[in-house]
Amino acid sequence: MLHKIIEDLNWRYTSKKYDTTKKVSSEDLDVLFEAMRLCASSINSQPWKFIVIESDEAKGRMAKTFANKFQFNLPHVFDSSHIILFAHNPRYSRDDYSKVLDAYIRDGRIKPENKEKGFGSFAFVEMNTDKDGNNANWTKAQTYLAFGNALHTLARLKIDSTPLEGVDSDLISQEFTKELDGHKCEVALAIGYHHPQNDFNYEAPKSRLSLDDILVRI
């Protein structure tokens, strides 16, 4: 299929080794971050926080979170341009959704007098919240929407990336307590530019199941 979107997605792969001399430009980062901000979420809940690891000091802190496991992902911390922590709010509340409605008022989506009516959508949060106030499964699912949107955006920008589910959520919570502010990170993303010689995955043929295996049209 000849289409720019398909061309970009065929170009994308999971980088296994980064070129430490190349950094993502501030202009491209601005595009990426705005794409993440604009991502869809159920009832526009936006139950996420994105922590960008870019300074040497922050990378040193991130390296500490690999003390117990997933050491195979540790090189990406120092070799890639940036690491982004995708964190979800495990206890999304009415107060959190109130901020969304306040933004609606600010942006002219609803009138101030209709704010209380806007809480009608919060019923969907309640459907996904247990008796202890935990709705992490639901908010994590929303955060993966932003994660996928980031991967697509990076492909369009021709920036390499590596999804990292091999991260220690507990140690990340300890090391970045202040930055996470109650959010929980179970997936991260390394971004940058692959090493031209040492990235063994770069020239591997693209491989996916056929469309007939995954798509049913009725």
Protein backbone atom coordinates (compact mmCIF):
# COMPACT_ATOMS: atom_id res chain seq x y z
CA MET A 1 0.00 0.00 0.00
CA LEU A 2 1.35 3.40 -1.01
CA HIS A 3 0.51 5.96 1.66
CA LYS A 4 2.71 8.21 3.79
CA ILE A 5 1.23 6.93 7.07
CA ILE A 6 1.81 3.29 6.06
CA GLU A 7 5.30 4.16 4.84
CA ASP A 8 6.13 5.71 8.22
CA LEU A 9 4.71 2.77 10.19
CA ASN A 10 6.65 0.32 8.04
CA TRP A 11 9.77 2.37 8.78
CA ARG A 12 9.23 2.07 12.56
CA TYR A 13 10.81 -0.76 14.52
CA THR A 14 12.10 -1.31 18.05
CA SER A 15 15.63 0.02 18.30
CA LYS A 16 18.07 -2.16 20.25
CA LYS A 17 21.09 0.18 20.32
CA TYR A 18 21.24 3.97 20.23
CA ASP A 19 23.79 6.43 18.91
CA THR A 20 24.86 8.38 22.00
CA THR A 21 26.04 11.33 19.88
CA LYS A 22 22.57 12.16 18.52
CA LYS A 23 19.85 13.93 20.49
CA VAL A 24 16.23 14.66 19.61
CA SER A 25 15.77 18.34 18.83
CA SER A 26 13.69 20.59 21.05
CA GLU A 27 11.41 21.28 18.07
CA ASP A 28 10.64 17.58 17.59
CA LEU A 29 10.19 17.10 21.32
CA ASP A 30 7.61 19.90 21.33
CA VAL A 31 5.65 18.11 18.60
CA LEU A 32 5.84 14.78 20.46
CA PHE A 33 4.74 16.24 23.79
CA GLU A 34 1.83 18.10 22.22
CA ALA A 35 0.72 14.90 20.44
CA MET A 36 0.77 13.10 23.79
CA ARG A 37 -1.24 15.89 25.40
CA LEU A 38 -3.85 15.76 22.64
CA CYS A 39 -4.37 12.00 22.90
CA ALA A 40 -7.86 10.60 23.35
CA SER A 41 -8.97 9.01 26.63
CA SER A 42 -12.23 7.67 28.01
CA ILE A 43 -14.51 10.59 29.00
CA ASN A 44 -11.46 12.77 28.28
CA SER A 45 -10.18 11.75 31.72
CA GLN A 46 -6.48 12.21 30.89
CA PRO A 47 -5.43 10.16 33.96
CA TRP A 48 -1.75 10.33 33.14
CA LYS A 49 1.53 12.02 33.88
CA PHE A 50 4.59 11.96 31.61
CA ILE A 51 8.02 12.19 33.23
CA VAL A 52 10.79 13.07 30.76
CA ILE A 53 14.24 11.79 31.73
CA GLU A 54 16.78 13.96 29.90
CA SER A 55 19.44 15.38 32.25
CA ASP A 56 22.48 13.35 33.31
CA GLU A 57 21.28 13.60 36.90
CA ALA A 58 17.84 12.22 36.03
CA LYS A 59 19.38 9.42 33.95
CA GLY A 60 21.53 8.49 36.93
CA ARG A 61 18.40 8.26 39.07
CA MET A 62 16.67 6.17 36.42
CA ALA A 63 19.65 3.82 36.29
CA LYS A 64 19.16 3.06 39.99
CA THR A 65 15.73 1.59 39.24
CA PHE A 66 17.37 -1.31 37.39
CA ALA A 67 19.16 -2.54 40.52
CA ASN A 68 17.01 -5.63 40.93
CA LYS A 69 15.80 -6.67 37.48
CA PHE A 70 15.47 -5.86 33.79
CA GLN A 71 19.16 -4.94 33.53
CA PHE A 72 19.03 -5.66 29.79
CA ASN A 73 17.18 -2.35 29.39
CA LEU A 74 19.68 -0.35 31.44
CA PRO A 75 21.90 0.66 28.45
CA HIS A 76 18.97 2.53 26.90
CA VAL A 77 18.96 4.92 29.85
CA PHE A 78 22.35 6.36 28.94
CA ASP A 79 22.49 5.62 25.20
CA SER A 80 19.13 7.02 24.09
CA SER A 81 18.35 10.70 23.83
CA HIS A 82 15.45 10.63 26.32
CA ILE A 83 13.44 8.22 28.43
CA ILE A 84 9.77 9.00 28.97
CA LEU A 85 7.89 7.46 31.89
CA PHE A 86 4.20 6.92 31.13
CA ALA A 87 2.43 6.95 34.48
CA HIS A 88 -1.23 6.46 35.33
CA ASN A 89 -3.28 7.63 38.28
CA PRO A 90 -4.33 4.45 40.16
CA ARG A 91 -6.98 6.29 42.18
CA TYR A 92 -8.60 8.66 39.72
CA SER A 93 -11.17 10.71 41.65
CA ARG A 94 -13.97 13.18 41.27
CA ASP A 95 -11.48 15.93 42.14
CA ASP A 96 -9.30 14.82 39.21
CA TYR A 97 -12.24 14.96 36.83
CA SER A 98 -13.18 18.36 38.21
CA LYS A 99 -9.94 19.69 36.71
CA VAL A 100 -11.05 18.38 33.31
CA LEU A 101 -14.37 20.19 33.65
CA ASP A 102 -12.58 23.36 34.71
CA ALA A 103 -10.58 23.11 31.49
CA TYR A 104 -13.86 22.70 29.59
CA ILE A 105 -15.06 25.97 31.09
CA ARG A 106 -11.77 27.73 30.36
CA ASP A 107 -11.80 26.54 26.74
CA GLY A 108 -15.46 27.39 26.20
CA ARG A 109 -16.65 23.80 25.88
CA ILE A 110 -19.23 24.18 28.65
CA LYS A 111 -20.63 27.07 30.65
CA PRO A 112 -19.66 27.44 34.32
CA GLU A 113 -23.22 26.83 35.44
CA ASN A 114 -23.20 23.43 33.70
CA LYS A 115 -20.18 22.05 35.54
CA GLU A 116 -22.18 19.89 37.93
CA LYS A 117 -24.07 18.39 35.02
CA GLY A 118 -20.73 17.52 33.45
CA PHE A 119 -20.03 15.11 36.29
CA GLY A 120 -22.57 12.77 34.72
CA SER A 121 -19.74 11.23 32.72
CA PHE A 122 -17.91 10.40 35.94
CA ALA A 123 -20.28 7.45 36.34
CA PHE A 124 -18.02 5.58 33.96
CA VAL A 125 -15.10 6.04 36.36
CA GLU A 126 -17.22 4.72 39.19
CA MET A 127 -18.05 1.63 37.13
CA ASN A 128 -14.32 0.90 36.93
CA THR A 129 -13.45 1.65 40.56
CA ASP A 130 -13.34 -1.01 43.27
CA LYS A 131 -14.55 -0.62 46.85
CA ASP A 132 -11.10 0.61 47.91
CA GLY A 133 -11.07 3.42 45.35
CA ASN A 134 -8.63 1.70 42.99
CA ASN A 135 -9.20 2.07 39.24
CA ALA A 136 -5.64 1.41 38.06
CA ASN A 137 -6.66 -1.12 35.40
CA TRP A 138 -8.85 1.49 33.74
CA THR A 139 -6.42 4.41 34.00
CA LYS A 140 -3.52 2.27 32.81
CA ALA A 141 -5.53 1.37 29.71
CA GLN A 142 -6.07 5.07 28.99
CA THR A 143 -2.36 5.77 29.39
CA TYR A 144 -1.53 3.11 26.82
CA LEU A 145 -3.56 5.15 24.32
CA ALA A 146 -1.08 7.99 24.84
CA PHE A 147 1.78 5.50 24.59
CA GLY A 148 0.58 4.24 21.21
CA ASN A 149 0.01 7.78 20.00
CA ALA A 150 3.59 8.61 20.94
CA LEU A 151 4.92 5.66 18.94
CA HIS A 152 2.96 6.77 15.89
CA THR A 153 4.11 10.37 16.24
CA LEU A 154 7.75 9.28 16.56
CA ALA A 155 7.40 7.22 13.39
CA ARG A 156 6.09 10.27 11.54
CA LEU A 157 9.04 12.30 12.86
CA LYS A 158 11.53 9.54 11.91
CA ILE A 159 12.72 9.21 15.51
CA ASP A 160 13.64 5.76 16.76
CA SER A 161 12.02 4.31 19.86
CA THR A 162 12.03 1.35 22.22
CA PRO A 163 8.98 0.44 24.33
CA LEU A 164 10.11 -0.57 27.83
CA GLU A 165 7.71 -2.70 29.82
CA GLY A 166 10.80 -4.15 31.47
CA VAL A 167 10.93 -1.51 34.20
CA ASP A 168 10.73 -1.84 37.97
CA SER A 169 7.58 0.05 38.90
CA ASP A 170 8.28 -0.15 42.62
CA LEU A 171 11.78 1.31 42.37
CA ILE A 172 10.58 3.97 39.95
CA SER A 173 7.93 4.96 42.50
CA GLN A 174 10.63 5.25 45.17
CA GLU A 175 13.12 7.19 43.06
CA PHE A 176 10.63 9.57 41.44
CA THR A 177 8.08 9.95 44.22
CA LYS A 178 7.88 13.72 43.94
CA GLU A 179 7.64 13.82 40.15
CA LEU A 180 5.04 11.04 39.94
CA ASP A 181 2.84 12.69 42.56
CA GLY A 182 0.84 9.54 43.29
CA HIS A 183 0.93 8.19 39.73
CA LYS A 184 2.32 4.76 38.91
CA CYS A 185 4.69 3.95 36.03
CA GLU A 186 4.65 0.48 34.52
CA VAL A 187 5.88 1.32 31.03
CA ALA A 188 8.50 3.69 29.63
CA LEU A 189 9.76 4.71 26.21
CA ALA A 190 13.32 5.27 25.05
CA ILE A 191 13.68 7.63 22.09
CA GLY A 192 16.61 8.77 19.97
CA TYR A 193 18.48 7.57 16.89
CA HIS A 194 19.73 4.04 16.35
CA HIS A 195 23.41 3.16 16.18
CA PRO A 196 24.23 2.64 12.48
CA GLN A 197 26.40 -0.43 13.08
CA ASN A 198 25.37 -1.96 16.41
CA ASP A 199 21.58 -2.02 16.22
CA PHE A 200 20.97 -5.60 15.10
CA ASN A 201 17.23 -5.03 14.71
CA TYR A 202 17.55 -2.19 12.22
CA GLU A 203 17.80 -4.24 9.03
CA ALA A 204 15.53 -7.10 10.08
CA PRO A 205 12.53 -7.49 7.76
CA LYS A 206 9.24 -6.07 9.01
CA SER A 207 6.99 -8.91 10.17
CA ARG A 208 3.33 -8.81 11.19
CA LEU A 209 0.37 -11.16 10.95
CA SER A 210 -1.58 -10.78 7.74
CA LEU A 211 -4.62 -8.53 7.66
CA ASP A 212 -6.82 -11.59 7.07
CA ASP A 213 -5.59 -13.04 10.38
CA ILE A 214 -6.65 -10.05 12.46
CA LEU A 215 -9.40 -8.19 10.63
CA VAL A 216 -13.03 -9.27 10.32
CA ARG A 217 -15.34 -7.17 8.18
CA ILE A 218 -19.06 -7.86 8.57
